[in-house]
Amino acid sequence: HDVGGISDPFLQVQILTVLRLLGTGNEKASEDMNDVLAQVATNTETSKNAGNAILYECVQTIMAVESEDSLRVLAVNILGRFLLN
């Protein structure tokens, strides 16, 4: 499914939710998903509501798992952009 130019945002949100559940309290799993979360956070289009929903779930996942400090900074910056709009 394609919603507003974003490939299956519902599936992406569900995958991020599963990653959050798997990474909570698991340092190894959190370390393995850092690169994926960084790619999602930097490559998702923010001009569409579906993209913003994916970014919101990505931020929730970054904050819930034991992610790197640079990834947390990226998540805070995304939240700042949400507040500006």
N, C-alpha and C. Protein backbone atom coordinates (compact mmCIF):
# COMPACT_ATOMS: atom_id res chain seq x y z
N HIS A 1 0.84 -1.19 0.00
CA HIS A 1 0.00 0.00 0.00
C HIS A 1 0.87 1.24 0.00
N ASP A 2 0.44 2.21 -0.75
CA ASP A 2 1.16 3.46 -0.83
C ASP A 2 0.23 4.57 -0.35
N VAL A 3 0.61 5.26 0.69
CA VAL A 3 -0.21 6.34 1.24
C VAL A 3 0.57 7.65 1.09
N GLY A 4 0.10 8.49 0.21
CA GLY A 4 0.73 9.79 0.01
C GLY A 4 2.19 9.72 -0.37
N GLY A 5 2.58 8.72 -1.14
CA GLY A 5 3.96 8.59 -1.56
C GLY A 5 4.85 7.86 -0.56
N ILE A 6 4.27 7.38 0.52
CA ILE A 6 5.03 6.64 1.54
C ILE A 6 4.61 5.18 1.47
N SER A 7 5.58 4.30 1.35
CA SER A 7 5.31 2.87 1.20
C SER A 7 4.82 2.28 2.52
N ASP A 8 3.60 1.83 2.54
CA ASP A 8 2.97 1.11 3.64
C ASP A 8 3.34 1.66 5.02
N PRO A 9 2.87 2.87 5.34
CA PRO A 9 3.23 3.45 6.64
C PRO A 9 2.68 2.65 7.83
N PHE A 10 1.55 1.97 7.62
CA PHE A 10 0.98 1.17 8.72
C PHE A 10 1.92 0.04 9.11
N LEU A 11 2.51 -0.61 8.11
CA LEU A 11 3.46 -1.68 8.38
C LEU A 11 4.72 -1.12 9.03
N GLN A 12 5.20 0.02 8.55
CA GLN A 12 6.39 0.62 9.13
C GLN A 12 6.18 0.96 10.60
N VAL A 13 5.01 1.49 10.93
CA VAL A 13 4.69 1.82 12.33
C VAL A 13 4.66 0.55 13.17
N GLN A 14 4.07 -0.51 12.65
CA GLN A 14 4.01 -1.77 13.40
C GLN A 14 5.40 -2.37 13.60
N ILE A 15 6.26 -2.26 12.59
CA ILE A 15 7.62 -2.78 12.72
C ILE A 15 8.38 -1.99 13.78
N LEU A 16 8.22 -0.67 13.79
CA LEU A 16 8.88 0.13 14.81
C LEU A 16 8.37 -0.22 16.21
N THR A 17 7.09 -0.51 16.32
CA THR A 17 6.53 -0.92 17.61
C THR A 17 7.14 -2.24 18.07
N VAL A 18 7.30 -3.18 17.16
CA VAL A 18 7.92 -4.46 17.50
C VAL A 18 9.38 -4.25 17.90
N LEU A 19 10.09 -3.39 17.17
CA LEU A 19 11.48 -3.10 17.52
C LEU A 19 11.57 -2.50 18.92
N ARG A 20 10.62 -1.63 19.24
CA ARG A 20 10.60 -1.03 20.58
C ARG A 20 10.41 -2.09 21.65
N LEU A 21 9.51 -3.01 21.41
CA LEU A 21 9.26 -4.09 22.37
C LEU A 21 10.48 -5.00 22.51
N LEU A 22 11.13 -5.30 21.40
CA LEU A 22 12.31 -6.18 21.43
C LEU A 22 13.52 -5.50 22.06
N GLY A 23 13.65 -4.20 21.87
CA GLY A 23 14.84 -3.49 22.33
C GLY A 23 14.78 -2.99 23.76
N THR A 24 13.58 -2.94 24.34
CA THR A 24 13.46 -2.45 25.71
C THR A 24 14.13 -3.42 26.67
N GLY A 25 15.16 -2.92 27.36
CA GLY A 25 15.88 -3.74 28.32
C GLY A 25 16.85 -4.73 27.71
N ASN A 26 17.08 -4.65 26.41
CA ASN A 26 17.97 -5.58 25.73
C ASN A 26 19.05 -4.78 25.00
N GLU A 27 20.23 -4.69 25.61
CA GLU A 27 21.29 -3.86 25.06
C GLU A 27 21.77 -4.34 23.70
N LYS A 28 21.90 -5.63 23.52
CA LYS A 28 22.38 -6.19 22.24
C LYS A 28 21.39 -5.88 21.11
N ALA A 29 20.11 -6.11 21.35
CA ALA A 29 19.10 -5.84 20.32
C ALA A 29 19.05 -4.34 20.02
N SER A 30 19.17 -3.52 21.05
CA SER A 30 19.16 -2.07 20.85
C SER A 30 20.34 -1.63 20.00
N GLU A 31 21.49 -2.21 20.27
CA GLU A 31 22.69 -1.87 19.50
C GLU A 31 22.52 -2.27 18.03
N ASP A 32 21.91 -3.43 17.80
CA ASP A 32 21.72 -3.91 16.43
C ASP A 32 20.75 -3.04 15.64
N MET A 33 19.79 -2.41 16.32
CA MET A 33 18.78 -1.62 15.59
C MET A 33 19.13 -0.15 15.48
N ASN A 34 20.24 0.29 16.05
CA ASN A 34 20.61 1.71 15.98
C ASN A 34 20.72 2.23 14.55
N ASP A 35 21.37 1.48 13.67
CA ASP A 35 21.54 1.92 12.28
C ASP A 35 20.21 2.02 11.56
N VAL A 36 19.33 1.05 11.79
CA VAL A 36 18.01 1.06 11.15
C VAL A 36 17.21 2.27 11.62
N LEU A 37 17.21 2.51 12.92
CA LEU A 37 16.47 3.66 13.45
C LEU A 37 17.02 4.97 12.92
N ALA A 38 18.33 5.07 12.79
CA ALA A 38 18.94 6.29 12.24
C ALA A 38 18.53 6.50 10.80
N GLN A 39 18.50 5.42 10.01
CA GLN A 39 18.08 5.55 8.61
C GLN A 39 16.62 5.96 8.50
N VAL A 40 15.76 5.36 9.30
CA VAL A 40 14.34 5.72 9.27
C VAL A 40 14.17 7.18 9.67
N ALA A 41 14.86 7.60 10.72
CA ALA A 41 14.71 8.96 11.22
C ALA A 41 15.22 10.00 10.22
N THR A 42 16.24 9.67 9.46
CA THR A 42 16.80 10.67 8.54
C THR A 42 16.20 10.61 7.14
N ASN A 43 15.65 9.49 6.72
CA ASN A 43 15.18 9.35 5.34
C ASN A 43 13.66 9.42 5.17
N THR A 44 12.92 9.57 6.25
CA THR A 44 11.47 9.61 6.14
C THR A 44 11.02 11.02 5.79
N GLU A 45 10.13 11.10 4.82
CA GLU A 45 9.63 12.39 4.34
C GLU A 45 8.68 13.00 5.37
N THR A 46 8.93 14.24 5.73
CA THR A 46 8.13 14.88 6.79
C THR A 46 7.01 15.75 6.26
N SER A 47 6.85 15.83 4.95
CA SER A 47 5.82 16.71 4.40
C SER A 47 4.44 16.05 4.38
N LYS A 48 4.38 14.79 4.71
CA LYS A 48 3.10 14.06 4.71
C LYS A 48 2.79 13.58 6.12
N ASN A 49 1.49 13.46 6.41
CA ASN A 49 1.08 12.98 7.73
C ASN A 49 1.58 11.56 8.00
N ALA A 50 1.58 10.71 6.98
CA ALA A 50 2.05 9.34 7.15
C ALA A 50 3.53 9.33 7.55
N GLY A 51 4.31 10.21 6.95
CA GLY A 51 5.72 10.31 7.31
C GLY A 51 5.91 10.79 8.73
N ASN A 52 5.08 11.73 9.15
CA ASN A 52 5.16 12.21 10.53
C ASN A 52 4.77 11.12 11.52
N ALA A 53 3.82 10.29 11.17
CA ALA A 53 3.44 9.18 12.05
C ALA A 53 4.59 8.19 12.21
N ILE A 54 5.27 7.92 11.12
CA ILE A 54 6.43 7.02 11.17
C ILE A 54 7.53 7.64 12.02
N LEU A 55 7.79 8.93 11.83
CA LEU A 55 8.82 9.60 12.61
C LEU A 55 8.48 9.60 14.10
N TYR A 56 7.21 9.80 14.42
CA TYR A 56 6.79 9.79 15.82
C TYR A 56 7.06 8.42 16.46
N GLU A 57 6.71 7.37 15.75
CA GLU A 57 6.98 6.02 16.27
C GLU A 57 8.48 5.77 16.37
N CYS A 58 9.23 6.30 15.43
CA CYS A 58 10.68 6.15 15.46
C CYS A 58 11.25 6.84 16.69
N VAL A 59 10.77 8.03 17.00
CA VAL A 59 11.22 8.76 18.19
C VAL A 59 10.87 7.97 19.44
N GLN A 60 9.65 7.45 19.50
CA GLN A 60 9.26 6.65 20.67
C GLN A 60 10.18 5.44 20.83
N THR A 61 10.50 4.80 19.73
CA THR A 61 11.37 3.63 19.78
C THR A 61 12.78 4.01 20.22
N ILE A 62 13.31 5.09 19.67
CA ILE A 62 14.66 5.55 20.05
C ILE A 62 14.72 5.83 21.54
N MET A 63 13.70 6.47 22.08
CA MET A 63 13.72 6.82 23.50
C MET A 63 13.48 5.61 24.40
N ALA A 64 12.80 4.59 23.90
CA ALA A 64 12.48 3.42 24.72
C ALA A 64 13.62 2.42 24.80
N VAL A 65 14.39 2.31 23.72
CA VAL A 65 15.48 1.33 23.71
C VAL A 65 16.77 1.99 24.21
N GLU A 66 17.79 1.20 24.38
CA GLU A 66 19.08 1.71 24.87
C GLU A 66 19.91 2.15 23.67
N SER A 67 19.52 3.28 23.08
CA SER A 67 20.16 3.75 21.85
C SER A 67 21.36 4.63 22.17
N GLU A 68 22.15 4.89 21.12
CA GLU A 68 23.32 5.75 21.25
C GLU A 68 22.90 7.19 21.54
N ASP A 69 23.80 7.94 22.16
CA ASP A 69 23.49 9.33 22.50
C ASP A 69 23.20 10.17 21.25
N SER A 70 23.94 9.94 20.18
CA SER A 70 23.72 10.72 18.95
C SER A 70 22.33 10.45 18.38
N LEU A 71 21.85 9.23 18.54
CA LEU A 71 20.51 8.89 18.06
C LEU A 71 19.45 9.58 18.92
N ARG A 72 19.70 9.67 20.20
CA ARG A 72 18.77 10.39 21.09
C ARG A 72 18.73 11.87 20.75
N VAL A 73 19.87 12.43 20.41
CA VAL A 73 19.91 13.84 20.00
C VAL A 73 19.09 14.03 18.73
N LEU A 74 19.21 13.11 17.81
CA LEU A 74 18.41 13.16 16.58
C LEU A 74 16.92 13.10 16.91
N ALA A 75 16.53 12.24 17.84
CA ALA A 75 15.12 12.11 18.24
C ALA A 75 14.61 13.41 18.86
N VAL A 76 15.42 14.04 19.69
CA VAL A 76 15.02 15.31 20.31
C VAL A 76 14.88 16.39 19.24
N ASN A 77 15.77 16.40 18.26
CA ASN A 77 15.66 17.36 17.16
C ASN A 77 14.37 17.16 16.36
N ILE A 78 14.00 15.91 16.15
CA ILE A 78 12.74 15.62 15.45
C ILE A 78 11.56 16.13 16.25
N LEU A 79 11.59 15.91 17.56
CA LEU A 79 10.52 16.42 18.41
C LEU A 79 10.45 17.94 18.35
N GLY A 80 11.61 18.59 18.30
CA GLY A 80 11.64 20.05 18.16
C GLY A 80 11.00 20.52 16.87
N ARG A 81 11.25 19.79 15.79
CA ARG A 81 10.60 20.13 14.51
C ARG A 81 9.09 19.95 14.59
N PHE A 82 8.64 18.91 15.32
CA PHE A 82 7.20 18.72 15.50
C PHE A 82 6.60 19.92 16.23
N LEU A 83 7.29 20.41 17.23
CA LEU A 83 6.77 21.55 18.00
C LEU A 83 6.74 22.83 17.20
N LEU A 84 7.63 22.98 16.23
CA LEU A 84 7.65 24.19 15.41
C LEU A 84 6.47 24.24 14.43
N ASN A 85 5.93 23.08 14.09
CA ASN A 85 4.82 23.04 13.11
C ASN A 85 3.47 23.10 13.76
